Amino acid sequence: MPAYQIERSILVSVPPSGVFAVVSDFNTWSSWSPWLIADPGATVRVSGEPGSVGSGYSWSGEVTGAGDMELRKVERGRRLEIELRFLRPFKSRAEVVFELQANPAGTLLTWRMSGSLPWFLFWMIPMLKTFVGLDYHRGLLMLKDWIETGRIDSKTTSHGVTPVGPLRMFGVRASAHLETVGTVGPPAMERSQQLFRQHGLPVTGEGIAVYHHLAVKTGMLDFIIGRVVPDSATLPKGTDLCEWRLPAVRAFRVEFEGAYHHLGNGWSVANQLARHHKLKQSNAGAFELYRPLVKGAAPTDRKVDIFLPLKG
């Protein structure tokens, strides 16, 4: 059967004992799970003594499917081994490992999963590595915040299918891995702002990023980032700015509110719910609109509207 391994790491500014106490306690998992945010109505059950061999965690939901986990081996402060069993949408099993390594700045935490799929699902391996890897990346970001601060500034609200457009924007082209869009995007936005000022273009429109081609095997994503402009604006010649237009369409909308580094949660919820409701996305380009921060608001109060334009 086709095998896979997925691994992501993060540095947490807490000693290994503190990180271990949270990760080994299945009662905390619902707080930082990268999957339950799209399925808050899912049923979760935790059993056994926290951090002990034999303790377990099971879930069942319309969006997330169903499965269970059992803690099989414990090396206190260093390592956890978990057996993961998926029941829905199809049966499979995997081995999950958390490794904790002491670091001068705290703990280097590694989350690893290895397993195999039925032979007829071999074609899913590249997609699995990319998207589960992204889930692990998002989950570790939330886990880090939960351990370090006791809170996660990330809230998503689905608004269903709504009308949007017409829209017109000028921006600069960029590309990034799905896990680094959050660091590549801001400098690209600043570059577009410089070009707007250089050519005397209006900067009063909403900030916008439009996402196009995704290479599933590599996780690389092409996008345009800039500002919404009026129809009267003229695209300067001989510049790095480009134009994107969207007619009036129907789109699936999810609102994200929180810290910018958790914005991927909004996209995950949007895509999971769109698939669950069997909505067909058009090739117009999914996009996000940034609402201006209210004066005096904290960076964790950022609000972003995510739109998935639909066919028909």
C-alpha atoms as a PDB file:
ATOM      1  CA  MET A   1       0.000   0.000   0.000  1.00  0.00           C
ATOM      2  CA  PRO A   2       1.263   3.548  -0.731  1.00  0.00           C
ATOM      3  CA  ALA A   3       3.007   4.940   2.357  1.00  0.00           C
ATOM      4  CA  TYR A   4       3.432   8.539   3.499  1.00  0.00           C
ATOM      5  CA  GLN A   5       5.076  10.571   6.246  1.00  0.00           C
ATOM      6  CA  ILE A   6       4.229  14.127   7.240  1.00  0.00           C
ATOM      7  CA  GLU A   7       6.225  16.200   9.716  1.00  0.00           C
ATOM      8  CA  ARG A   8       6.176  19.789  10.992  1.00  0.00           C
ATOM      9  CA  SER A   9       7.993  21.510  13.875  1.00  0.00           C
ATOM     10  CA  ILE A  10       7.672  24.709  15.893  1.00  0.00           C
ATOM     11  CA  LEU A  11       9.598  26.437  18.671  1.00  0.00           C
ATOM     12  CA  VAL A  12       7.555  27.012  21.826  1.00  0.00           C
ATOM     13  CA  SER A  13       8.947  29.388  24.467  1.00  0.00           C
ATOM     14  CA  VAL A  14       8.026  27.073  27.347  1.00  0.00           C
ATOM     15  CA  PRO A  15      10.158  24.274  28.868  1.00  0.00           C
ATOM     16  CA  PRO A  16       9.444  20.694  27.707  1.00  0.00           C
ATOM     17  CA  SER A  17       7.563  19.833  30.900  1.00  0.00           C
ATOM     18  CA  GLY A  18       4.973  22.536  30.195  1.00  0.00           C
ATOM     19  CA  VAL A  19       4.587  21.584  26.535  1.00  0.00           C
ATOM     20  CA  PHE A  20       4.311  17.904  27.413  1.00  0.00           C
ATOM     21  CA  ALA A  21       1.577  18.564  29.977  1.00  0.00           C
ATOM     22  CA  VAL A  22      -0.632  20.131  27.296  1.00  0.00           C
ATOM     23  CA  VAL A  23       0.068  17.818  24.359  1.00  0.00           C
ATOM     24  CA  SER A  24      -0.298  14.633  26.414  1.00  0.00           C
ATOM     25  CA  ASP A  25      -3.707  15.717  27.765  1.00  0.00           C
ATOM     26  CA  PHE A  26      -6.399  14.938  25.177  1.00  0.00           C
ATOM     27  CA  ASN A  27      -8.751  17.283  27.051  1.00  0.00           C
ATOM     28  CA  THR A  28      -6.822  20.218  25.532  1.00  0.00           C
ATOM     29  CA  TRP A  29      -6.937  19.022  21.934  1.00  0.00           C
ATOM     30  CA  SER A  30     -10.328  20.515  21.061  1.00  0.00           C
ATOM     31  CA  SER A  31      -8.910  23.958  21.926  1.00  0.00           C
ATOM     32  CA  TRP A  32      -6.167  23.861  19.287  1.00  0.00           C
ATOM     33  CA  SER A  33      -7.347  21.248  16.768  1.00  0.00           C
ATOM     34  CA  PRO A  34      -6.837  22.476  13.182  1.00  0.00           C
ATOM     35  CA  TRP A  35      -9.868  20.436  12.075  1.00  0.00           C
ATOM     36  CA  LEU A  36     -12.624  21.096  14.593  1.00  0.00           C
ATOM     37  CA  ILE A  37     -12.734  24.810  13.726  1.00  0.00           C
ATOM     38  CA  ALA A  38     -14.732  23.802  10.621  1.00  0.00           C
ATOM     39  CA  ASP A  39     -16.995  21.461  12.561  1.00  0.00           C
ATOM     40  CA  PRO A  40     -17.738  22.963  16.002  1.00  0.00           C
ATOM     41  CA  GLY A  41     -20.769  20.688  16.334  1.00  0.00           C
ATOM     42  CA  ALA A  42     -18.647  17.531  16.180  1.00  0.00           C
ATOM     43  CA  THR A  43     -18.906  15.142  19.116  1.00  0.00           C
ATOM     44  CA  VAL A  44     -15.641  14.647  21.020  1.00  0.00           C
ATOM     45  CA  ARG A  45     -15.041  12.115  23.775  1.00  0.00           C
ATOM     46  CA  VAL A  46     -11.936  11.838  25.954  1.00  0.00           C
ATOM     47  CA  SER A  47     -11.179   8.809  28.098  1.00  0.00           C
ATOM     48  CA  GLY A  48      -8.537   7.685  30.566  1.00  0.00           C
ATOM     49  CA  GLU A  49      -6.081   9.482  32.790  1.00  0.00           C
ATOM     50  CA  PRO A  50      -4.443  12.444  30.987  1.00  0.00           C
ATOM     51  CA  GLY A  51      -0.946  11.606  29.779  1.00  0.00           C
ATOM     52  CA  SER A  52      -1.231   7.905  30.566  1.00  0.00           C
ATOM     53  CA  VAL A  53      -0.935   4.926  28.234  1.00  0.00           C
ATOM     54  CA  GLY A  54      -4.399   3.859  27.111  1.00  0.00           C
ATOM     55  CA  SER A  55      -6.001   7.302  27.314  1.00  0.00           C
ATOM     56  CA  GLY A  56      -8.015   8.111  24.238  1.00  0.00           C
ATOM     57  CA  TYR A  57      -9.744  10.711  22.095  1.00  0.00           C
ATOM     58  CA  SER A  58     -12.552  10.114  19.594  1.00  0.00           C
ATOM     59  CA  TRP A  59     -14.482  12.419  17.308  1.00  0.00           C
ATOM     60  CA  SER A  60     -17.497  12.270  15.007  1.00  0.00           C
ATOM     61  CA  GLY A  61     -18.772  15.110  12.845  1.00  0.00           C
ATOM     62  CA  GLU A  62     -20.467  15.871   9.549  1.00  0.00           C
ATOM     63  CA  VAL A  63     -17.452  17.753   8.176  1.00  0.00           C
ATOM     64  CA  THR A  64     -14.515  16.102   9.953  1.00  0.00           C
ATOM     65  CA  GLY A  65     -15.686  12.488   9.646  1.00  0.00           C
ATOM     66  CA  ALA A  66     -15.024  10.088  12.502  1.00  0.00           C
ATOM     67  CA  GLY A  67     -12.133   8.322  14.173  1.00  0.00           C
ATOM     68  CA  ASP A  68     -10.253   7.779  17.400  1.00  0.00           C
ATOM     69  CA  MET A  69      -6.780   7.950  18.923  1.00  0.00           C
ATOM     70  CA  GLU A  70      -5.076   6.006  21.680  1.00  0.00           C
ATOM     71  CA  LEU A  71      -1.910   6.947  23.530  1.00  0.00           C
ATOM     72  CA  ARG A  72       0.354   3.895  23.188  1.00  0.00           C
ATOM     73  CA  LYS A  73       3.731   4.978  24.570  1.00  0.00           C
ATOM     74  CA  VAL A  74       4.913   7.785  26.833  1.00  0.00           C
ATOM     75  CA  GLU A  75       8.404   9.120  27.522  1.00  0.00           C
ATOM     76  CA  ARG A  76       7.691  11.937  29.913  1.00  0.00           C
ATOM     77  CA  GLY A  77       8.833  15.327  28.672  1.00  0.00           C
ATOM     78  CA  ARG A  78      10.328  13.772  25.541  1.00  0.00           C
ATOM     79  CA  ARG A  79       8.007  11.718  23.346  1.00  0.00           C
ATOM     80  CA  LEU A  80       4.440  10.534  22.781  1.00  0.00           C
ATOM     81  CA  GLU A  81       3.331   7.754  20.438  1.00  0.00           C
ATOM     82  CA  ILE A  82      -0.327   7.628  19.383  1.00  0.00           C
ATOM     83  CA  GLU A  83      -2.292   5.174  17.274  1.00  0.00           C
ATOM     84  CA  LEU A  84      -4.713   7.039  15.009  1.00  0.00           C
ATOM     85  CA  ARG A  85      -7.677   5.245  13.441  1.00  0.00           C
ATOM     86  CA  PHE A  86      -9.896   6.892  10.823  1.00  0.00           C
ATOM     87  CA  LEU A  87     -13.421   5.490  10.421  1.00  0.00           C
ATOM     88  CA  ARG A  88     -15.032   8.051   8.098  1.00  0.00           C
ATOM     89  CA  PRO A  89     -14.908   9.060   5.247  1.00  0.00           C
ATOM     90  CA  PHE A  90     -12.817   5.874   4.757  1.00  0.00           C
ATOM     91  CA  LYS A  91     -11.022   3.484   7.076  1.00  0.00           C
ATOM     92  CA  SER A  92      -7.281   3.757   7.592  1.00  0.00           C
ATOM     93  CA  ARG A  93      -4.788   3.958  10.429  1.00  0.00           C
ATOM     94  CA  ALA A  94      -1.630   5.916  11.127  1.00  0.00           C
ATOM     95  CA  GLU A  95       1.070   6.340  13.751  1.00  0.00           C
ATOM     96  CA  VAL A  96       1.398   9.807  15.271  1.00  0.00           C
ATOM     97  CA  VAL A  97       4.458  10.947  17.212  1.00  0.00           C
ATOM     98  CA  PHE A  98       5.160  14.107  19.183  1.00  0.00           C
ATOM     99  CA  GLU A  99       8.827  14.715  19.975  1.00  0.00           C
ATOM    100  CA  LEU A 100      10.015  17.386  22.403  1.00  0.00           C
ATOM    101  CA  GLN A 101      13.585  18.640  22.365  1.00  0.00           C
ATOM    102  CA  ALA A 102      14.909  21.095  24.947  1.00  0.00           C
ATOM    103  CA  ASN A 103      16.059  24.360  23.390  1.00  0.00           C
ATOM    104  CA  PRO A 104      17.676  27.477  24.907  1.00  0.00           C
ATOM    105  CA  ALA A 105      14.508  29.345  23.894  1.00  0.00           C
ATOM    106  CA  GLY A 106      12.119  26.676  25.186  1.00  0.00           C
ATOM    107  CA  THR A 107      11.060  23.521  23.338  1.00  0.00           C
ATOM    108  CA  LEU A 108      11.336  22.399  19.747  1.00  0.00           C
ATOM    109  CA  LEU A 109       8.105  20.468  19.214  1.00  0.00           C
ATOM    110  CA  THR A 110       7.796  18.092  16.250  1.00  0.00           C
ATOM    111  CA  TRP A 111       4.495  16.562  15.109  1.00  0.00           C
ATOM    112  CA  ARG A 112       4.838  13.558  12.793  1.00  0.00           C
ATOM    113  CA  MET A 113       2.356  11.178  11.161  1.00  0.00           C
ATOM    114  CA  SER A 114       3.153   8.084   9.110  1.00  0.00           C
ATOM    115  CA  GLY A 115       0.840   5.556   7.546  1.00  0.00           C
ATOM    116  CA  SER A 116      -0.470   4.143   4.316  1.00  0.00           C
ATOM    117  CA  LEU A 117      -3.597   4.360   2.176  1.00  0.00           C
ATOM    118  CA  PRO A 118      -5.518   1.665   0.288  1.00  0.00           C
ATOM    119  CA  TRP A 119      -3.820   0.994  -3.054  1.00  0.00           C
ATOM    120  CA  PHE A 120      -6.666   2.579  -5.047  1.00  0.00           C
ATOM    121  CA  LEU A 121      -6.041   5.913  -3.264  1.00  0.00           C
ATOM    122  CA  PHE A 122      -2.362   6.156  -4.249  1.00  0.00           C
ATOM    123  CA  TRP A 123      -3.128   9.326  -6.209  1.00  0.00           C
ATOM    124  CA  MET A 124      -4.059  11.097  -2.957  1.00  0.00           C
ATOM    125  CA  ILE A 125      -0.575  10.907  -1.430  1.00  0.00           C
ATOM    126  CA  PRO A 126       0.765  14.245  -2.836  1.00  0.00           C
ATOM    127  CA  MET A 127      -2.471  16.018  -1.879  1.00  0.00           C
ATOM    128  CA  LEU A 128      -2.401  14.411   1.572  1.00  0.00           C
ATOM    129  CA  LYS A 129       1.168  15.538   2.230  1.00  0.00           C
ATOM    130  CA  THR A 130       0.429  19.109   1.165  1.00  0.00           C
ATOM    131  CA  PHE A 131      -2.870  19.665   2.940  1.00  0.00           C
ATOM    132  CA  VAL A 132      -2.289  17.614   6.094  1.00  0.00           C
ATOM    133  CA  GLY A 133       1.115  19.298   6.317  1.00  0.00           C
ATOM    134  CA  LEU A 134      -0.703  22.624   6.186  1.00  0.00           C
ATOM    135  CA  ASP A 135      -3.126  21.400   8.871  1.00  0.00           C
ATOM    136  CA  TYR A 136      -0.180  20.465  11.100  1.00  0.00           C
ATOM    137  CA  HIS A 137       1.365  23.882  10.469  1.00  0.00           C
ATOM    138  CA  ARG A 138      -1.871  25.626  11.497  1.00  0.00           C
ATOM    139  CA  GLY A 139      -2.345  23.320  14.453  1.00  0.00           C
ATOM    140  CA  LEU A 140       1.154  23.973  15.774  1.00  0.00           C
ATOM    141  CA  LEU A 141       0.639  27.736  15.490  1.00  0.00           C
ATOM    142  CA  MET A 142      -2.522  27.431  17.576  1.00  0.00           C
ATOM    143  CA  LEU A 143      -0.891  25.026  20.030  1.00  0.00           C
ATOM    144  CA  LYS A 144       2.035  27.425  20.481  1.00  0.00           C
ATOM    145  CA  ASP A 145      -0.311  30.328  21.282  1.00  0.00           C
ATOM    146  CA  TRP A 146      -2.398  28.160  23.601  1.00  0.00           C
ATOM    147  CA  ILE A 147       0.655  27.012  25.576  1.00  0.00           C
ATOM    148  CA  GLU A 148       2.366  30.412  25.695  1.00  0.00           C
ATOM    149  CA  THR A 149      -0.651  32.675  26.292  1.00  0.00           C
ATOM    150  CA  GLY A 150      -3.636  30.483  27.168  1.00  0.00           C
ATOM    151  CA  ARG A 151      -5.620  31.851  24.214  1.00  0.00           C
ATOM    152  CA  ILE A 152      -5.883  31.605  20.429  1.00  0.00           C
ATOM    153  CA  ASP A 153      -6.913  34.752  18.569  1.00  0.00           C
ATOM    154  CA  SER A 154      -8.766  33.076  15.722  1.00  0.00           C
ATOM    155  CA  LYS A 155     -12.498  33.177  14.996  1.00  0.00           C
ATOM    156  CA  THR A 156     -14.284  32.149  11.801  1.00  0.00           C
ATOM    157  CA  THR A 157     -17.889  32.778  10.794  1.00  0.00           C
ATOM    158  CA  SER A 158     -19.519  31.250   7.726  1.00  0.00           C
ATOM    159  CA  HIS A 159     -21.923  33.530   5.857  1.00  0.00           C
ATOM    160  CA  GLY A 160     -22.853  30.956   3.230  1.00  0.00           C
ATOM    161  CA  VAL A 161     -23.354  31.866  -0.427  1.00  0.00           C
ATOM    162  CA  THR A 162     -23.558  35.623  -0.989  1.00  0.00           C
ATOM    163  CA  PRO A 163     -23.345  38.005  -3.968  1.00  0.00           C
ATOM    164  CA  VAL A 164     -20.047  39.825  -4.508  1.00  0.00           C
ATOM    165  CA  GLY A 165     -18.656  42.123  -7.176  1.00  0.00           C
ATOM    166  CA  PRO A 166     -18.084  43.592  -9.571  1.00  0.00           C
ATOM    167  CA  LEU A 167     -14.519  44.212  -8.391  1.00  0.00           C
ATOM    168  CA  ARG A 168     -11.421  45.673  -9.991  1.00  0.00           C
ATOM    169  CA  MET A 169      -7.968  45.682  -8.441  1.00  0.00           C
ATOM    170  CA  PHE A 170      -4.370  46.630  -9.180  1.00  0.00           C
ATOM    171  CA  GLY A 171      -1.584  44.691  -7.515  1.00  0.00           C
ATOM    172  CA  VAL A 172       1.747  42.912  -7.830  1.00  0.00           C
ATOM    173  CA  ARG A 173       2.267  39.242  -8.609  1.00  0.00           C
ATOM    174  CA  ALA A 174       3.936  36.981  -6.072  1.00  0.00           C
ATOM    175  CA  SER A 175       4.250  33.307  -5.204  1.00  0.00           C
ATOM    176  CA  ALA A 176       4.798  31.454  -1.957  1.00  0.00           C
ATOM    177  CA  HIS A 177       4.404  28.103  -0.305  1.00  0.00           C
ATOM    178  CA  LEU A 178       1.031  27.688   1.391  1.00  0.00           C
ATOM    179  CA  GLU A 179       2.772  27.795   4.767  1.00  0.00           C
ATOM    180  CA  THR A 180       4.717  31.006   4.039  1.00  0.00           C
ATOM    181  CA  VAL A 181       2.034  33.156   2.417  1.00  0.00           C
ATOM    182  CA  GLY A 182       1.694  34.971   5.726  1.00  0.00           C
ATOM    183  CA  THR A 183       5.319  36.155   5.555  1.00  0.00           C
ATOM    184  CA  VAL A 184       5.535  36.768   1.777  1.00  0.00           C
ATOM    185  CA  GLY A 185       2.224  38.633   1.552  1.00  0.00           C
ATOM    186  CA  PRO A 186       2.984  41.742   3.672  1.00  0.00           C
ATOM    187  CA  PRO A 187       6.196  42.719   1.803  1.00  0.00           C
ATOM    188  CA  ALA A 188       4.383  42.196  -1.511  1.00  0.00           C
ATOM    189  CA  MET A 189       1.547  44.421  -0.287  1.00  0.00           C
ATOM    190  CA  GLU A 190       4.058  47.087   0.718  1.00  0.00           C
ATOM    191  CA  ARG A 191       5.592  46.893  -2.764  1.00  0.00           C
ATOM    192  CA  SER A 192       2.182  47.454  -4.320  1.00  0.00           C
ATOM    193  CA  GLN A 193       1.614  50.409  -1.974  1.00  0.00           C
ATOM    194  CA  GLN A 194       4.905  51.955  -3.101  1.00  0.00           C
ATOM    195  CA  LEU A 195       3.853  51.623  -6.732  1.00  0.00           C
ATOM    196  CA  PHE A 196       0.436  53.117  -5.972  1.00  0.00           C
ATOM    197  CA  ARG A 197       2.094  56.161  -4.379  1.00  0.00           C
ATOM    198  CA  GLN A 198       4.675  56.411  -7.152  1.00  0.00           C
ATOM    199  CA  HIS A 199       1.966  56.602  -9.825  1.00  0.00           C
ATOM    200  CA  GLY A 200      -0.498  58.712  -7.871  1.00  0.00           C
ATOM    201  CA  LEU A 201      -3.123  55.961  -7.633  1.00  0.00           C
ATOM    202  CA  PRO A 202      -5.868  56.059  -4.974  1.00  0.00           C
ATOM    203  CA  VAL A 203      -5.073  54.013  -1.862  1.00  0.00           C
ATOM    204  CA  THR A 204      -8.499  54.280  -0.268  1.00  0.00           C
ATOM    205  CA  GLY A 205      -9.793  50.957  -1.628  1.00  0.00           C
ATOM    206  CA  GLU A 206      -9.790  47.776   0.405  1.00  0.00           C
ATOM    207  CA  GLY A 207      -6.680  45.642   0.456  1.00  0.00           C
ATOM    208  CA  ILE A 208      -7.140  42.461  -1.546  1.00  0.00           C
ATOM    209  CA  ALA A 209      -5.228  39.290  -2.401  1.00  0.00           C
ATOM    210  CA  VAL A 210      -6.351  37.008  -5.231  1.00  0.00           C
ATOM    211  CA  TYR A 211      -5.086  33.418  -5.296  1.00  0.00           C
ATOM    212  CA  HIS A 212      -4.689  31.550  -8.565  1.00  0.00           C
ATOM    213  CA  HIS A 213      -2.662  28.495  -9.478  1.00  0.00           C
ATOM    214  CA  LEU A 214      -1.809  25.990  -6.724  1.00  0.00           C
ATOM    215  CA  ALA A 215       0.750  23.273  -7.444  1.00  0.00           C
ATOM    216  CA  VAL A 216      -0.540  20.517  -5.165  1.00  0.00           C
ATOM    217  CA  LYS A 217       2.681  18.457  -5.203  1.00  0.00           C
ATOM    218  CA  THR A 218       4.872  21.370  -4.100  1.00  0.00           C
ATOM    219  CA  GLY A 219       2.340  23.480  -2.209  1.00  0.00           C
ATOM    220  CA  MET A 220       3.379  26.573  -4.199  1.00  0.00           C
ATOM    221  CA  LEU A 221       0.715  29.207  -4.788  1.00  0.00           C
ATOM    222  CA  ASP A 222       0.571  32.160  -7.216  1.00  0.00           C
ATOM    223  CA  PHE A 223      -1.279  35.300  -6.167  1.00  0.00           C
ATOM    224  CA  ILE A 224      -1.816  39.009  -6.809  1.00  0.00           C
ATOM    225  CA  ILE A 225      -1.941  41.420  -3.885  1.00  0.00           C
ATOM    226  CA  GLY A 226      -2.871  45.081  -3.905  1.00  0.00           C
ATOM    227  CA  ARG A 227      -5.963  47.297  -3.632  1.00  0.00           C
ATOM    228  CA  VAL A 228      -9.451  47.571  -5.032  1.00  0.00           C
ATOM    229  CA  VAL A 229      -9.607  50.512  -7.468  1.00  0.00           C
ATOM    230  CA  PRO A 230     -12.482  52.393  -9.143  1.00  0.00           C
ATOM    231  CA  ASP A 231     -13.292  51.941 -12.831  1.00  0.00           C
ATOM    232  CA  SER A 232     -11.873  55.412 -13.472  1.00  0.00           C
ATOM    233  CA  ALA A 233      -8.348  54.371 -12.406  1.00  0.00           C
ATOM    234  CA  THR A 234      -5.829  53.870 -15.218  1.00  0.00           C
ATOM    235  CA  LEU A 235      -3.276  51.066 -15.014  1.00  0.00           C
ATOM    236  CA  PRO A 236       0.173  52.668 -15.427  1.00  0.00           C
ATOM    237  CA  LYS A 237       2.286  51.405 -18.310  1.00  0.00           C
ATOM    238  CA  GLY A 238       5.762  49.999 -17.762  1.00  0.00           C
ATOM    239  CA  THR A 239       5.127  49.042 -14.130  1.00  0.00           C
ATOM    240  CA  ASP A 240       5.018  45.848 -12.097  1.00  0.00           C
ATOM    241  CA  LEU A 241       1.371  46.494 -11.300  1.00  0.00           C
ATOM    242  CA  CYS A 242      -1.198  44.250 -12.986  1.00  0.00           C
ATOM    243  CA  GLU A 243      -4.982  44.256 -13.120  1.00  0.00           C
ATOM    244  CA  TRP A 244      -7.620  41.735 -12.026  1.00  0.00           C
ATOM    245  CA  ARG A 245     -11.371  41.990 -12.538  1.00  0.00           C
ATOM    246  CA  LEU A 246     -14.328  40.065 -11.188  1.00  0.00           C
ATOM    247  CA  PRO A 247     -17.888  40.465 -12.508  1.00  0.00           C
ATOM    248  CA  ALA A 248     -20.861  40.226 -10.172  1.00  0.00           C
ATOM    249  CA  VAL A 249     -20.946  36.581  -9.021  1.00  0.00           C
ATOM    250  CA  ARG A 250     -22.102  34.283  -6.245  1.00  0.00           C
ATOM    251  CA  ALA A 251     -19.419  33.271  -3.772  1.00  0.00           C
ATOM    252  CA  PHE A 252     -19.053  31.310  -0.565  1.00  0.00           C
ATOM    253  CA  ARG A 253     -17.978  33.762   2.142  1.00  0.00           C
ATOM    254  CA  VAL A 254     -16.216  33.138   5.442  1.00  0.00           C
ATOM    255  CA  GLU A 255     -15.266  35.940   7.818  1.00  0.00           C
ATOM    256  CA  PHE A 256     -12.031  35.649   9.787  1.00  0.00           C
ATOM    257  CA  GLU A 257     -11.224  37.702  12.850  1.00  0.00           C
ATOM    258  CA  GLY A 258      -8.015  37.473  14.836  1.00  0.00           C
ATOM    259  CA  ALA A 259      -4.230  37.416  14.513  1.00  0.00           C
ATOM    260  CA  TYR A 260      -2.901  37.486  10.956  1.00  0.00           C
ATOM    261  CA  HIS A 261      -0.756  34.365  11.441  1.00  0.00           C
ATOM    262  CA  HIS A 262      -3.964  32.374  11.987  1.00  0.00           C
ATOM    263  CA  LEU A 263      -5.586  33.535   8.731  1.00  0.00           C
ATOM    264  CA  GLY A 264      -5.043  30.066   7.268  1.00  0.00           C
ATOM    265  CA  ASN A 265      -7.795  28.868   9.609  1.00  0.00           C
ATOM    266  CA  GLY A 266     -10.294  30.986   7.707  1.00  0.00           C
ATOM    267  CA  TRP A 267      -9.216  29.473   4.404  1.00  0.00           C
ATOM    268  CA  SER A 268      -9.368  25.957   5.813  1.00  0.00           C
ATOM    269  CA  VAL A 269     -12.907  26.496   7.078  1.00  0.00           C
ATOM    270  CA  ALA A 270     -13.993  28.025   3.756  1.00  0.00           C
ATOM    271  CA  ASN A 271     -12.625  25.146   1.691  1.00  0.00           C
ATOM    272  CA  GLN A 272     -13.819  22.393   4.033  1.00  0.00           C
ATOM    273  CA  LEU A 273     -17.364  23.775   4.168  1.00  0.00           C
ATOM    274  CA  ALA A 274     -17.460  24.384   0.406  1.00  0.00           C
ATOM    275  CA  ARG A 275     -16.506  20.744  -0.196  1.00  0.00           C
ATOM    276  CA  HIS A 276     -18.982  19.537   2.412  1.00  0.00           C
ATOM    277  CA  HIS A 277     -21.811  21.454   0.717  1.00  0.00           C
ATOM    278  CA  LYS A 278     -20.590  20.265  -2.713  1.00  0.00           C
ATOM    279  CA  LEU A 279     -20.120  23.802  -4.008  1.00  0.00           C
ATOM    280  CA  LYS A 280     -18.217  24.073  -7.292  1.00  0.00           C
ATOM    281  CA  GLN A 281     -15.636  26.845  -7.387  1.00  0.00           C
ATOM    282  CA  SER A 282     -15.040  28.822 -10.567  1.00  0.00           C
ATOM    283  CA  ASN A 283     -11.588  29.583 -11.959  1.00  0.00           C
ATOM    284  CA  ALA A 284     -11.988  33.310 -11.290  1.00  0.00           C
ATOM    285  CA  GLY A 285      -9.609  33.114  -8.332  1.00  0.00           C
ATOM    286  CA  ALA A 286     -10.445  32.865  -4.644  1.00  0.00           C
ATOM    287  CA  PHE A 287      -9.691  36.085  -2.793  1.00  0.00           C
ATOM    288  CA  GLU A 288      -9.562  37.845   0.549  1.00  0.00           C
ATOM    289  CA  LEU A 289     -10.589  41.419   1.345  1.00  0.00           C
ATOM    290  CA  TYR A 290      -8.887  43.123   4.301  1.00  0.00           C
ATOM    291  CA  ARG A 291     -11.061  45.410   6.362  1.00  0.00           C
ATOM    292  CA  PRO A 292      -9.189  48.472   7.675  1.00  0.00           C
ATOM    293  CA  LEU A 293      -8.206  48.220  11.317  1.00  0.00           C
ATOM    294  CA  VAL A 294     -10.157  50.603  13.512  1.00  0.00           C
ATOM    295  CA  LYS A 295      -7.913  53.282  15.029  1.00  0.00           C
ATOM    296  CA  GLY A 296      -6.455  51.992  18.275  1.00  0.00           C
ATOM    297  CA  ALA A 297      -7.438  48.376  17.571  1.00  0.00           C
ATOM    298  CA  ALA A 298      -5.012  45.586  18.395  1.00  0.00           C
ATOM    299  CA  PRO A 299      -3.420  43.568  15.561  1.00  0.00           C
ATOM    300  CA  THR A 300      -5.410  40.581  16.841  1.00  0.00           C
ATOM    301  CA  ASP A 301      -8.624  42.434  15.867  1.00  0.00           C
ATOM    302  CA  ARG A 302      -7.920  42.116  12.145  1.00  0.00           C
ATOM    303  CA  LYS A 303     -10.953  41.156  10.041  1.00  0.00           C
ATOM    304  CA  VAL A 304     -10.697  39.495   6.642  1.00  0.00           C
ATOM    305  CA  ASP A 305     -13.482  38.356   4.339  1.00  0.00           C
ATOM    306  CA  ILE A 306     -12.647  35.233   2.319  1.00  0.00           C
ATOM    307  CA  PHE A 307     -14.579  34.595  -0.907  1.00  0.00           C
ATOM    308  CA  LEU A 308     -14.689  31.465  -3.043  1.00  0.00           C
ATOM    309  CA  PRO A 309     -16.382  32.450  -6.356  1.00  0.00           C
ATOM    310  CA  LEU A 310     -18.736  29.715  -7.561  1.00  0.00           C
ATOM    311  CA  LYS A 311     -19.699  28.319 -10.933  1.00  0.00           C
ATOM    312  CA  GLY A 312     -23.078  29.191 -12.426  1.00  0.00           C
END
